[in-house]
Amino acid sequence: MIFGMKAAALMANAGYRLVPVLLPRRPDVSAERDAALWALASRAGATGWTIPALRDSAGPDADLLFPGGQTELIEAWADLVDREMLRRMESRAEKEPRLSWRVRSAVLERLAVLEPYREAERRTVATVALPCVGHGGRILSRTINAIWTAAEDDAAGITWATKRVSLAGVYMPTFMAWLGGADEEAVARILDAGLAGVRRIGDAKRMFSSHQPARAA
């Protein structure tokens, strides 16, 4: 099964190599590119994320919008989903006061954006997980950063970095469960368990630090 443990491991490992100073530049954005991506996404489950399928979906010259070929196409799709998740989070009338719940909402919102395109997303993962393809880490880096941005996190420095590494370890099992066909409740349980684990680690670190003897002046 192409969406099994190998794909999950490859993408999860990419998450643990997140380096804040190397956060990839976002793909170019335009209304024309977005329209072409939505058009292809509605068919990509059957056709795959290919340039011929792009031309068939969005017009004979649509490939000119993505001079980087399939790699640029897939990265632009992931960025479009990130942006739609951010838009939906920003448009919410009521803001959740707890950061952890804002993170939870952002993850679930991103999966909600993808729900109509689950089969297309399987095609995405099958391509990204190939050993010869190196853009999985860039895609995951931007997505994890977008989730924290949607959650309105204001961390900086080493905390900024560790939060993103930690969330990658939570997001990937949640995403892969959704990709494999888990229902909404099962996905939420996996996400909640991951977030709870991160909180327990954070609590343990704070407790350990508070019990360290003071250094002599």
N, C-alpha and C. Protein backbone atom coordinates (compact mmCIF):
# COMPACT_ATOMS: atom_id res chain seq x y z
N MET A 1 0.86 -1.20 0.00
CA MET A 1 0.00 0.00 0.00
C MET A 1 0.89 1.24 0.00
N ILE A 2 0.73 2.12 -1.00
CA ILE A 2 1.66 3.23 -1.18
C ILE A 2 1.53 4.30 -0.11
N PHE A 3 0.46 4.24 0.68
CA PHE A 3 0.27 5.25 1.72
C PHE A 3 0.58 4.67 3.10
N GLY A 4 1.40 3.64 3.15
CA GLY A 4 1.69 2.95 4.39
C GLY A 4 2.81 3.56 5.18
N MET A 5 3.48 2.68 5.93
CA MET A 5 4.48 3.15 6.89
C MET A 5 5.66 3.82 6.20
N LYS A 6 6.05 3.35 5.00
CA LYS A 6 7.20 3.95 4.33
C LYS A 6 6.95 5.41 4.01
N ALA A 7 5.77 5.70 3.45
CA ALA A 7 5.44 7.09 3.13
C ALA A 7 5.37 7.94 4.38
N ALA A 8 4.77 7.41 5.44
CA ALA A 8 4.66 8.15 6.70
C ALA A 8 6.03 8.45 7.27
N ALA A 9 6.91 7.44 7.24
CA ALA A 9 8.25 7.63 7.80
C ALA A 9 9.04 8.67 7.02
N LEU A 10 8.97 8.61 5.69
CA LEU A 10 9.70 9.57 4.87
C LEU A 10 9.25 10.99 5.15
N MET A 11 7.94 11.20 5.25
CA MET A 11 7.44 12.55 5.46
C MET A 11 7.65 13.01 6.89
N ALA A 12 7.54 12.11 7.85
CA ALA A 12 7.77 12.48 9.24
C ALA A 12 9.23 12.87 9.46
N ASN A 13 10.15 12.11 8.86
CA ASN A 13 11.57 12.43 8.98
C ASN A 13 11.86 13.81 8.43
N ALA A 14 11.16 14.18 7.35
CA ALA A 14 11.33 15.52 6.79
C ALA A 14 10.95 16.57 7.83
N GLY A 15 9.91 16.30 8.60
CA GLY A 15 9.47 17.25 9.61
C GLY A 15 10.51 17.50 10.68
N TYR A 16 11.26 16.46 11.05
CA TYR A 16 12.24 16.61 12.10
C TYR A 16 13.51 17.29 11.61
N ARG A 17 13.56 17.62 10.33
CA ARG A 17 14.70 18.37 9.81
C ARG A 17 14.34 19.84 9.59
N LEU A 18 13.21 20.25 10.16
CA LEU A 18 12.82 21.64 10.02
C LEU A 18 13.89 22.55 10.63
N VAL A 19 14.34 23.52 9.87
CA VAL A 19 15.32 24.49 10.36
C VAL A 19 14.77 25.88 10.07
N PRO A 20 14.52 26.68 11.12
CA PRO A 20 13.84 27.95 10.91
C PRO A 20 14.54 28.89 9.94
N VAL A 21 15.87 28.93 9.97
CA VAL A 21 16.56 29.86 9.08
C VAL A 21 16.47 29.42 7.63
N LEU A 22 16.07 28.18 7.39
CA LEU A 22 15.95 27.66 6.04
C LEU A 22 14.49 27.43 5.66
N LEU A 23 13.56 28.08 6.33
CA LEU A 23 12.16 27.93 5.99
C LEU A 23 11.98 28.31 4.53
N PRO A 24 11.48 27.39 3.71
CA PRO A 24 11.45 27.63 2.26
C PRO A 24 10.58 28.82 1.88
N ARG A 25 11.00 29.48 0.81
CA ARG A 25 10.20 30.56 0.26
C ARG A 25 8.89 30.01 -0.27
N ARG A 26 7.83 30.74 -0.06
CA ARG A 26 6.53 30.31 -0.56
C ARG A 26 6.49 30.36 -2.07
N PRO A 27 5.73 29.46 -2.70
CA PRO A 27 5.55 29.53 -4.15
C PRO A 27 4.86 30.83 -4.55
N ASP A 28 5.02 31.20 -5.80
CA ASP A 28 4.34 32.38 -6.31
C ASP A 28 2.83 32.19 -6.20
N VAL A 29 2.13 33.30 -6.03
CA VAL A 29 0.68 33.27 -5.88
C VAL A 29 0.04 34.19 -6.91
N SER A 30 -0.99 33.70 -7.58
CA SER A 30 -1.79 34.53 -8.47
C SER A 30 -3.18 33.91 -8.58
N ALA A 31 -4.14 34.72 -8.96
CA ALA A 31 -5.51 34.21 -9.12
C ALA A 31 -5.56 33.15 -10.22
N GLU A 32 -4.77 33.35 -11.27
CA GLU A 32 -4.75 32.39 -12.38
C GLU A 32 -4.20 31.04 -11.93
N ARG A 33 -3.13 31.08 -11.15
CA ARG A 33 -2.55 29.83 -10.66
C ARG A 33 -3.52 29.12 -9.71
N ASP A 34 -4.15 29.88 -8.83
CA ASP A 34 -5.09 29.27 -7.89
C ASP A 34 -6.25 28.60 -8.63
N ALA A 35 -6.79 29.29 -9.63
CA ALA A 35 -7.90 28.73 -10.39
C ALA A 35 -7.49 27.45 -11.09
N ALA A 36 -6.29 27.43 -11.64
CA ALA A 36 -5.80 26.23 -12.32
C ALA A 36 -5.62 25.08 -11.34
N LEU A 37 -5.14 25.39 -10.15
CA LEU A 37 -4.93 24.34 -9.14
C LEU A 37 -6.25 23.75 -8.67
N TRP A 38 -7.25 24.59 -8.42
CA TRP A 38 -8.56 24.07 -8.01
C TRP A 38 -9.15 23.20 -9.12
N ALA A 39 -8.98 23.64 -10.36
CA ALA A 39 -9.52 22.86 -11.48
C ALA A 39 -8.85 21.49 -11.57
N LEU A 40 -7.55 21.45 -11.42
CA LEU A 40 -6.84 20.18 -11.49
C LEU A 40 -7.15 19.31 -10.28
N ALA A 41 -7.26 19.91 -9.10
CA ALA A 41 -7.50 19.14 -7.88
C ALA A 41 -8.79 18.33 -7.97
N SER A 42 -9.77 18.88 -8.67
CA SER A 42 -11.05 18.17 -8.78
C SER A 42 -10.94 16.90 -9.62
N ARG A 43 -9.83 16.77 -10.36
CA ARG A 43 -9.65 15.60 -11.22
C ARG A 43 -8.39 14.80 -10.89
N ALA A 44 -7.52 15.37 -10.08
CA ALA A 44 -6.21 14.76 -9.85
C ALA A 44 -6.27 13.40 -9.19
N GLY A 45 -7.37 13.11 -8.48
CA GLY A 45 -7.50 11.79 -7.89
C GLY A 45 -7.47 10.70 -8.93
N ALA A 46 -7.97 11.01 -10.12
CA ALA A 46 -7.99 10.04 -11.21
C ALA A 46 -6.81 10.20 -12.15
N THR A 47 -6.38 11.45 -12.37
CA THR A 47 -5.35 11.71 -13.37
C THR A 47 -3.94 11.82 -12.81
N GLY A 48 -3.84 12.15 -11.51
CA GLY A 48 -2.54 12.47 -10.94
C GLY A 48 -2.19 13.93 -11.19
N TRP A 49 -1.14 14.39 -10.50
CA TRP A 49 -0.70 15.78 -10.62
C TRP A 49 0.33 15.88 -11.76
N THR A 50 -0.16 15.81 -12.96
CA THR A 50 0.73 15.82 -14.13
C THR A 50 0.46 17.06 -14.97
N ILE A 51 1.43 17.43 -15.77
CA ILE A 51 1.27 18.58 -16.65
C ILE A 51 0.20 18.34 -17.71
N PRO A 52 0.16 17.15 -18.35
CA PRO A 52 -0.96 16.92 -19.29
C PRO A 52 -2.33 17.05 -18.63
N ALA A 53 -2.46 16.54 -17.39
CA ALA A 53 -3.73 16.67 -16.69
C ALA A 53 -4.03 18.13 -16.38
N LEU A 54 -3.01 18.91 -16.10
CA LEU A 54 -3.19 20.34 -15.85
C LEU A 54 -3.73 21.02 -17.10
N ARG A 55 -3.14 20.72 -18.24
CA ARG A 55 -3.63 21.32 -19.49
C ARG A 55 -5.08 20.93 -19.76
N ASP A 56 -5.40 19.67 -19.54
CA ASP A 56 -6.77 19.21 -19.77
C ASP A 56 -7.76 19.89 -18.84
N SER A 57 -7.33 20.20 -17.62
CA SER A 57 -8.23 20.77 -16.61
C SER A 57 -8.35 22.27 -16.69
N ALA A 58 -7.24 22.95 -17.01
CA ALA A 58 -7.20 24.41 -16.90
C ALA A 58 -6.85 25.12 -18.20
N GLY A 59 -6.73 24.41 -19.29
CA GLY A 59 -6.45 25.05 -20.57
C GLY A 59 -5.10 24.67 -21.13
N PRO A 60 -4.95 24.76 -22.45
CA PRO A 60 -3.72 24.29 -23.11
C PRO A 60 -2.45 25.04 -22.73
N ASP A 61 -2.61 26.25 -22.23
CA ASP A 61 -1.43 27.04 -21.84
C ASP A 61 -1.22 27.08 -20.33
N ALA A 62 -1.97 26.29 -19.58
CA ALA A 62 -1.88 26.34 -18.12
C ALA A 62 -0.50 25.95 -17.61
N ASP A 63 0.22 25.14 -18.37
CA ASP A 63 1.56 24.73 -17.92
C ASP A 63 2.50 25.92 -17.82
N LEU A 64 2.20 27.00 -18.56
CA LEU A 64 3.06 28.19 -18.50
C LEU A 64 3.00 28.86 -17.13
N LEU A 65 1.94 28.58 -16.38
CA LEU A 65 1.81 29.15 -15.03
C LEU A 65 2.74 28.46 -14.04
N PHE A 66 3.24 27.28 -14.39
CA PHE A 66 4.07 26.48 -13.49
C PHE A 66 5.33 26.03 -14.22
N PRO A 67 6.25 26.97 -14.45
CA PRO A 67 7.45 26.64 -15.23
C PRO A 67 8.33 25.59 -14.55
N GLY A 68 8.14 25.38 -13.26
CA GLY A 68 8.91 24.37 -12.55
C GLY A 68 8.36 22.97 -12.70
N GLY A 69 7.30 22.81 -13.50
CA GLY A 69 6.76 21.48 -13.77
C GLY A 69 6.00 20.89 -12.58
N GLN A 70 6.02 19.59 -12.49
CA GLN A 70 5.23 18.89 -11.48
C GLN A 70 5.63 19.28 -10.07
N THR A 71 6.92 19.46 -9.82
CA THR A 71 7.36 19.84 -8.48
C THR A 71 6.73 21.15 -8.04
N GLU A 72 6.78 22.14 -8.92
CA GLU A 72 6.17 23.44 -8.59
C GLU A 72 4.66 23.31 -8.45
N LEU A 73 4.06 22.48 -9.27
CA LEU A 73 2.62 22.27 -9.23
C LEU A 73 2.18 21.74 -7.87
N ILE A 74 2.87 20.72 -7.39
CA ILE A 74 2.49 20.10 -6.12
C ILE A 74 2.77 21.03 -4.94
N GLU A 75 3.90 21.74 -4.99
CA GLU A 75 4.19 22.68 -3.90
C GLU A 75 3.18 23.82 -3.88
N ALA A 76 2.77 24.29 -5.06
CA ALA A 76 1.78 25.36 -5.12
C ALA A 76 0.43 24.89 -4.60
N TRP A 77 0.08 23.64 -4.86
CA TRP A 77 -1.18 23.10 -4.34
C TRP A 77 -1.16 23.07 -2.82
N ALA A 78 -0.07 22.58 -2.24
CA ALA A 78 0.03 22.53 -0.77
C ALA A 78 -0.07 23.94 -0.19
N ASP A 79 0.59 24.90 -0.83
CA ASP A 79 0.54 26.28 -0.35
C ASP A 79 -0.87 26.85 -0.45
N LEU A 80 -1.59 26.50 -1.51
CA LEU A 80 -2.97 26.96 -1.67
C LEU A 80 -3.85 26.42 -0.54
N VAL A 81 -3.66 25.16 -0.18
CA VAL A 81 -4.42 24.58 0.93
C VAL A 81 -4.07 25.29 2.24
N ASP A 82 -2.78 25.57 2.44
CA ASP A 82 -2.36 26.31 3.64
C ASP A 82 -3.04 27.67 3.70
N ARG A 83 -3.08 28.36 2.57
CA ARG A 83 -3.68 29.70 2.54
C ARG A 83 -5.19 29.65 2.78
N GLU A 84 -5.83 28.62 2.25
CA GLU A 84 -7.27 28.49 2.48
C GLU A 84 -7.54 28.18 3.95
N MET A 85 -6.69 27.38 4.57
CA MET A 85 -6.82 27.10 6.00
C MET A 85 -6.66 28.40 6.80
N LEU A 86 -5.67 29.20 6.46
CA LEU A 86 -5.46 30.48 7.14
C LEU A 86 -6.67 31.40 6.96
N ARG A 87 -7.22 31.45 5.76
CA ARG A 87 -8.38 32.30 5.50
C ARG A 87 -9.57 31.89 6.35
N ARG A 88 -9.80 30.59 6.44
CA ARG A 88 -10.94 30.10 7.23
C ARG A 88 -10.74 30.38 8.71
N MET A 89 -9.51 30.24 9.19
CA MET A 89 -9.25 30.52 10.60
C MET A 89 -9.43 32.00 10.91
N GLU A 90 -8.97 32.86 10.01
CA GLU A 90 -9.08 34.30 10.22
C GLU A 90 -10.53 34.78 10.17
N SER A 91 -11.38 34.07 9.43
CA SER A 91 -12.76 34.51 9.26
C SER A 91 -13.68 34.05 10.39
N ARG A 92 -13.14 33.28 11.32
CA ARG A 92 -13.99 32.81 12.43
C ARG A 92 -14.41 33.99 13.31
N ALA A 93 -15.69 34.01 13.63
CA ALA A 93 -16.23 35.11 14.43
C ALA A 93 -15.70 35.07 15.86
N GLU A 94 -15.58 33.86 16.42
CA GLU A 94 -15.12 33.72 17.80
C GLU A 94 -13.72 33.12 17.81
N LYS A 95 -12.85 33.69 18.61
CA LYS A 95 -11.48 33.23 18.72
C LYS A 95 -11.30 32.40 19.98
N GLU A 96 -10.74 31.22 19.83
CA GLU A 96 -10.44 30.36 20.97
C GLU A 96 -9.29 30.95 21.77
N PRO A 97 -9.46 31.17 23.09
CA PRO A 97 -8.40 31.82 23.87
C PRO A 97 -7.18 30.93 24.11
N ARG A 98 -7.36 29.60 24.05
CA ARG A 98 -6.24 28.70 24.34
C ARG A 98 -5.45 28.39 23.08
N LEU A 99 -4.13 28.58 23.14
CA LEU A 99 -3.27 28.36 21.98
C LEU A 99 -3.36 26.92 21.49
N SER A 100 -3.32 25.95 22.40
CA SER A 100 -3.35 24.55 21.98
C SER A 100 -4.62 24.22 21.21
N TRP A 101 -5.73 24.85 21.60
CA TRP A 101 -6.98 24.59 20.89
C TRP A 101 -7.04 25.32 19.55
N ARG A 102 -6.33 26.43 19.45
CA ARG A 102 -6.23 27.11 18.15
C ARG A 102 -5.40 26.26 17.19
N VAL A 103 -4.34 25.64 17.71
CA VAL A 103 -3.54 24.73 16.89
C VAL A 103 -4.40 23.56 16.43
N ARG A 104 -5.14 22.98 17.36
CA ARG A 104 -6.02 21.85 17.04
C ARG A 104 -7.01 22.25 15.94
N SER A 105 -7.61 23.42 16.09
CA SER A 105 -8.58 23.88 15.10
C SER A 105 -7.94 24.08 13.74
N ALA A 106 -6.72 24.60 13.72
CA ALA A 106 -6.04 24.84 12.45
C ALA A 106 -5.74 23.53 11.73
N VAL A 107 -5.28 22.53 12.46
CA VAL A 107 -5.00 21.23 11.85
C VAL A 107 -6.28 20.64 11.26
N LEU A 108 -7.35 20.64 12.03
CA LEU A 108 -8.61 20.07 11.56
C LEU A 108 -9.19 20.89 10.40
N GLU A 109 -8.96 22.18 10.42
CA GLU A 109 -9.45 23.03 9.33
C GLU A 109 -8.71 22.72 8.04
N ARG A 110 -7.41 22.48 8.14
CA ARG A 110 -6.66 22.14 6.93
C ARG A 110 -7.15 20.82 6.33
N LEU A 111 -7.43 19.85 7.18
CA LEU A 111 -7.96 18.58 6.69
C LEU A 111 -9.36 18.76 6.10
N ALA A 112 -10.12 19.70 6.66
CA ALA A 112 -11.45 19.98 6.11
C ALA A 112 -11.34 20.57 4.71
N VAL A 113 -10.34 21.43 4.49
CA VAL A 113 -10.11 21.97 3.15
C VAL A 113 -9.82 20.83 2.16
N LEU A 114 -9.05 19.85 2.61
CA LEU A 114 -8.64 18.76 1.75
C LEU A 114 -9.71 17.68 1.56
N GLU A 115 -10.72 17.67 2.41
CA GLU A 115 -11.69 16.57 2.41
C GLU A 115 -12.25 16.24 1.03
N PRO A 116 -12.67 17.23 0.24
CA PRO A 116 -13.22 16.89 -1.08
C PRO A 116 -12.17 16.35 -2.05
N TYR A 117 -10.90 16.47 -1.66
CA TYR A 117 -9.80 16.12 -2.57
C TYR A 117 -8.92 15.01 -1.98
N ARG A 118 -9.51 14.14 -1.18
CA ARG A 118 -8.73 13.13 -0.47
C ARG A 118 -7.97 12.23 -1.46
N GLU A 119 -8.64 11.82 -2.51
CA GLU A 119 -7.98 10.94 -3.48
C GLU A 119 -6.85 11.68 -4.20
N ALA A 120 -7.08 12.95 -4.50
CA ALA A 120 -6.02 13.75 -5.11
C ALA A 120 -4.83 13.90 -4.16
N GLU A 121 -5.13 14.04 -2.86
CA GLU A 121 -4.05 14.17 -1.89
C GLU A 121 -3.27 12.87 -1.76
N ARG A 122 -3.92 11.74 -1.94
CA ARG A 122 -3.20 10.47 -1.95
C ARG A 122 -2.20 10.44 -3.11
N ARG A 123 -2.62 10.98 -4.22
CA ARG A 123 -1.70 11.07 -5.36
C ARG A 123 -0.52 11.98 -5.03
N THR A 124 -0.80 13.06 -4.31
CA THR A 124 0.27 13.97 -3.90
C THR A 124 1.30 13.25 -3.04
N VAL A 125 0.81 12.54 -2.02
CA VAL A 125 1.71 11.85 -1.10
C VAL A 125 2.50 10.76 -1.83
N ALA A 126 1.86 10.06 -2.73
CA ALA A 126 2.55 9.01 -3.48
C ALA A 126 3.72 9.59 -4.26
N THR A 127 3.56 10.80 -4.78
CA THR A 127 4.63 11.45 -5.53
C THR A 127 5.70 12.01 -4.61
N VAL A 128 5.27 12.70 -3.55
CA VAL A 128 6.21 13.34 -2.62
C VAL A 128 7.07 12.30 -1.90
N ALA A 129 6.50 11.12 -1.63
CA ALA A 129 7.22 10.11 -0.86
C ALA A 129 8.25 9.35 -1.68
N LEU A 130 8.31 9.57 -2.98
CA LEU A 130 9.30 8.88 -3.80
C LEU A 130 10.70 9.31 -3.39
N PRO A 131 11.66 8.37 -3.30
CA PRO A 131 13.02 8.71 -2.86
C PRO A 131 13.69 9.76 -3.73
N CYS A 132 13.31 9.84 -5.01
CA CYS A 132 13.97 10.78 -5.92
C CYS A 132 13.39 12.18 -5.83
N VAL A 133 12.35 12.36 -5.02
CA VAL A 133 11.70 13.66 -4.89
C VAL A 133 12.10 14.30 -3.57
N GLY A 134 12.56 15.56 -3.62
CA GLY A 134 13.06 16.19 -2.40
C GLY A 134 12.22 17.30 -1.86
N HIS A 135 11.00 17.50 -2.39
CA HIS A 135 10.23 18.67 -1.95
C HIS A 135 9.26 18.37 -0.83
N GLY A 136 9.21 17.13 -0.33
CA GLY A 136 8.32 16.82 0.78
C GLY A 136 8.64 17.61 2.02
N GLY A 137 9.93 17.78 2.31
CA GLY A 137 10.34 18.54 3.48
C GLY A 137 9.95 20.01 3.38
N ARG A 138 10.06 20.58 2.19
CA ARG A 138 9.68 21.98 2.00
C ARG A 138 8.17 22.15 2.21
N ILE A 139 7.40 21.24 1.65
CA ILE A 139 5.95 21.32 1.80
C ILE A 139 5.57 21.23 3.27
N LEU A 140 6.12 20.25 3.98
CA LEU A 140 5.78 20.08 5.39
C LEU A 140 6.22 21.27 6.22
N SER A 141 7.40 21.81 5.94
CA SER A 141 7.90 22.97 6.69
C SER A 141 6.94 24.14 6.59
N ARG A 142 6.48 24.41 5.37
CA ARG A 142 5.57 25.54 5.18
C ARG A 142 4.22 25.28 5.83
N THR A 143 3.74 24.04 5.74
CA THR A 143 2.44 23.73 6.34
C THR A 143 2.48 23.87 7.85
N ILE A 144 3.51 23.32 8.48
CA ILE A 144 3.62 23.42 9.94
C ILE A 144 3.71 24.88 10.37
N ASN A 145 4.48 25.67 9.63
CA ASN A 145 4.58 27.08 9.96
C ASN A 145 3.25 27.79 9.78
N ALA A 146 2.50 27.41 8.72
CA ALA A 146 1.19 28.02 8.48
C ALA A 146 0.21 27.69 9.60
N ILE A 147 0.29 26.48 10.13
CA ILE A 147 -0.61 26.10 11.24
C ILE A 147 -0.33 26.97 12.46
N TRP A 148 0.96 27.15 12.80
CA TRP A 148 1.28 28.01 13.94
C TRP A 148 0.87 29.46 13.67
N THR A 149 1.02 29.91 12.43
CA THR A 149 0.59 31.26 12.09
C THR A 149 -0.92 31.40 12.25
N ALA A 150 -1.66 30.41 11.77
CA ALA A 150 -3.12 30.43 11.91
C ALA A 150 -3.54 30.42 13.37
N ALA A 151 -2.73 29.78 14.21
CA ALA A 151 -3.02 29.73 15.65
C ALA A 151 -2.60 31.01 16.37
N GLU A 152 -2.00 31.93 15.62
CA GLU A 152 -1.57 33.23 16.16
C GLU A 152 -0.53 33.05 17.26
N ASP A 153 0.39 32.15 17.03
CA ASP A 153 1.49 31.94 17.98
C ASP A 153 2.54 33.02 17.77
N ASP A 154 3.09 33.54 18.86
CA ASP A 154 4.07 34.62 18.76
C ASP A 154 5.45 34.19 19.26
N ALA A 155 5.72 32.89 19.26
CA ALA A 155 7.02 32.41 19.75
C ALA A 155 8.14 32.90 18.84
N ALA A 156 9.33 32.97 19.41
CA ALA A 156 10.51 33.39 18.66
C ALA A 156 11.70 32.53 19.09
N GLY A 157 12.79 32.63 18.34
CA GLY A 157 14.02 31.96 18.71
C GLY A 157 13.90 30.45 18.74
N ILE A 158 14.55 29.82 19.74
CA ILE A 158 14.58 28.37 19.83
C ILE A 158 13.19 27.81 20.09
N THR A 159 12.35 28.56 20.80
CA THR A 159 10.98 28.09 21.04
C THR A 159 10.21 28.01 19.74
N TRP A 160 10.42 28.98 18.85
CA TRP A 160 9.80 28.95 17.52
C TRP A 160 10.15 27.65 16.82
N ALA A 161 11.42 27.28 16.87
CA ALA A 161 11.88 26.08 16.17
C ALA A 161 11.36 24.80 16.81
N THR A 162 11.47 24.71 18.13
CA THR A 162 11.06 23.47 18.80
C THR A 162 9.55 23.24 18.68
N LYS A 163 8.78 24.30 18.68
CA LYS A 163 7.34 24.15 18.51
C LYS A 163 7.02 23.54 17.14
N ARG A 164 7.75 23.94 16.12
CA ARG A 164 7.49 23.43 14.79
C ARG A 164 7.93 21.98 14.64
N VAL A 165 9.04 21.64 15.24
CA VAL A 165 9.48 20.24 15.22
C VAL A 165 8.47 19.37 15.97
N SER A 166 8.02 19.83 17.13
CA SER A 166 7.05 19.07 17.91
C SER A 166 5.74 18.88 17.15
N LEU A 167 5.27 19.93 16.52
CA LEU A 167 4.00 19.84 15.81
C LEU A 167 4.11 18.92 14.59
N ALA A 168 5.26 18.87 13.96
CA ALA A 168 5.44 17.95 12.84
C ALA A 168 5.21 16.52 13.28
N GLY A 169 5.67 16.19 14.50
CA GLY A 169 5.47 14.85 15.03
C GLY A 169 4.04 14.54 15.39
N VAL A 170 3.24 15.57 15.57
CA VAL A 170 1.81 15.40 15.86
C VAL A 170 1.00 15.41 14.56
N TYR A 171 1.35 16.33 13.68
CA TYR A 171 0.57 16.50 12.45
C TYR A 171 0.66 15.29 11.53
N MET A 172 1.85 14.72 11.37
CA MET A 172 2.00 13.66 10.38
C MET A 172 1.17 12.42 10.70
N PRO A 173 1.18 11.89 11.94
CA PRO A 173 0.29 10.75 12.22
C PRO A 173 -1.19 11.09 12.01
N THR A 174 -1.56 12.32 12.35
CA THR A 174 -2.95 12.74 12.16
C THR A 174 -3.29 12.78 10.68
N PHE A 175 -2.42 13.40 9.91
CA PHE A 175 -2.64 13.50 8.47
C PHE A 175 -2.68 12.13 7.80
N MET A 176 -1.76 11.24 8.18
CA MET A 176 -1.72 9.93 7.55
C MET A 176 -2.94 9.09 7.91
N ALA A 177 -3.45 9.26 9.13
CA ALA A 177 -4.69 8.57 9.50
C ALA A 177 -5.85 9.06 8.65
N TRP A 178 -5.94 10.39 8.48
CA TRP A 178 -6.98 10.95 7.62
C TRP A 178 -6.81 10.45 6.19
N LEU A 179 -5.60 10.44 5.70
CA LEU A 179 -5.34 10.02 4.33
C LEU A 179 -5.73 8.56 4.13
N GLY A 180 -5.54 7.75 5.17
CA GLY A 180 -5.87 6.35 5.08
C GLY A 180 -7.35 6.04 5.19
N GLY A 181 -8.17 7.07 5.44
CA GLY A 181 -9.62 6.87 5.46
C GLY A 181 -10.26 6.93 6.82
N ALA A 182 -9.50 7.29 7.86
CA ALA A 182 -10.10 7.40 9.20
C ALA A 182 -11.19 8.47 9.21
N ASP A 183 -12.23 8.21 10.01
CA ASP A 183 -13.32 9.19 10.06
C ASP A 183 -12.93 10.37 10.94
N GLU A 184 -13.82 11.36 11.00
CA GLU A 184 -13.52 12.60 11.71
C GLU A 184 -13.22 12.38 13.18
N GLU A 185 -13.97 11.52 13.83
CA GLU A 185 -13.75 11.27 15.26
C GLU A 185 -12.41 10.60 15.50
N ALA A 186 -12.06 9.63 14.67
CA ALA A 186 -10.78 8.93 14.84
C ALA A 186 -9.61 9.87 14.61
N VAL A 187 -9.73 10.70 13.60
CA VAL A 187 -8.67 11.69 13.32
C VAL A 187 -8.50 12.63 14.51
N ALA A 188 -9.61 13.11 15.06
CA ALA A 188 -9.54 14.03 16.20
C ALA A 188 -8.91 13.36 17.41
N ARG A 189 -9.20 12.07 17.62
CA ARG A 189 -8.60 11.36 18.76
C ARG A 189 -7.09 11.25 18.61
N ILE A 190 -6.64 10.96 17.41
CA ILE A 190 -5.19 10.86 17.17
C ILE A 190 -4.52 12.21 17.37
N LEU A 191 -5.15 13.25 16.86
CA LEU A 191 -4.61 14.60 17.03
C LEU A 191 -4.57 14.98 18.50
N ASP A 192 -5.65 14.72 19.23
CA ASP A 192 -5.70 15.08 20.65
C ASP A 192 -4.66 14.32 21.45
N ALA A 193 -4.45 13.05 21.13
CA ALA A 193 -3.44 12.27 21.84
C ALA A 193 -2.05 12.83 21.57
N GLY A 194 -1.78 13.22 20.35
CA GLY A 194 -0.48 13.80 20.03
C GLY A 194 -0.25 15.11 20.74
N LEU A 195 -1.25 15.98 20.74
CA LEU A 195 -1.12 17.27 21.42
C LEU A 195 -0.96 17.08 22.92
N ALA A 196 -1.68 16.09 23.49
CA ALA A 196 -1.55 15.82 24.92
C ALA A 196 -0.14 15.35 25.25
N GLY A 197 0.42 14.53 24.37
CA GLY A 197 1.79 14.06 24.59
C GLY A 197 2.80 15.19 24.59
N VAL A 198 2.63 16.13 23.67
CA VAL A 198 3.52 17.29 23.62
C VAL A 198 3.38 18.12 24.88
N ARG A 199 2.15 18.29 25.36
CA ARG A 199 1.95 19.06 26.60
C ARG A 199 2.61 18.37 27.79
N ARG A 200 2.52 17.03 27.85
CA ARG A 200 3.15 16.31 28.97
C ARG A 200 4.66 16.48 28.95
N ILE A 201 5.25 16.44 27.75
CA ILE A 201 6.69 16.64 27.64
C ILE A 201 7.06 18.04 28.09
N GLY A 202 6.25 19.03 27.67
CA GLY A 202 6.52 20.41 28.08
C GLY A 202 6.40 20.59 29.58
N ASP A 203 5.40 19.96 30.19
CA ASP A 203 5.23 20.05 31.64
C ASP A 203 6.42 19.41 32.36
N ALA A 204 6.88 18.27 31.84
CA ALA A 204 8.01 17.58 32.47
C ALA A 204 9.27 18.42 32.38
N LYS A 205 9.49 19.06 31.25
CA LYS A 205 10.67 19.91 31.09
C LYS A 205 10.63 21.07 32.06
N ARG A 206 9.45 21.70 32.19
CA ARG A 206 9.35 22.83 33.11
C ARG A 206 9.56 22.39 34.56
N MET A 207 9.04 21.21 34.91
CA MET A 207 9.23 20.70 36.26
C MET A 207 10.70 20.39 36.53
N PHE A 208 11.36 19.80 35.55
CA PHE A 208 12.78 19.47 35.69
C PHE A 208 13.60 20.74 35.86
N SER A 209 13.30 21.75 35.05
CA SER A 209 14.05 23.00 35.12
C SER A 209 13.86 23.69 36.46
N SER A 210 12.64 23.62 37.00
CA SER A 210 12.36 24.30 38.26
C SER A 210 13.07 23.66 39.44
N HIS A 211 13.50 22.38 39.28
CA HIS A 211 14.16 21.68 40.37
C HIS A 211 15.69 21.66 40.24
N GLN A 212 16.19 22.35 39.21
CA GLN A 212 17.64 22.42 39.05
C GLN A 212 18.23 23.37 40.09
N PRO A 213 19.37 22.96 40.72
CA PRO A 213 19.99 23.85 41.70
C PRO A 213 20.50 25.12 41.04
N ALA A 214 20.41 26.21 41.77
CA ALA A 214 20.88 27.49 41.24
C ALA A 214 22.39 27.46 41.09
N ARG A 215 22.89 28.05 40.01
CA ARG A 215 24.33 28.11 39.77
C ARG A 215 24.98 29.17 40.65
N ALA A 216 26.15 28.83 41.11
CA ALA A 216 26.88 29.81 41.94
C ALA A 216 27.25 31.01 41.09
N ALA A 217 27.21 32.16 41.72
CA ALA A 217 27.55 33.39 40.99
C ALA A 217 29.03 33.41 40.68
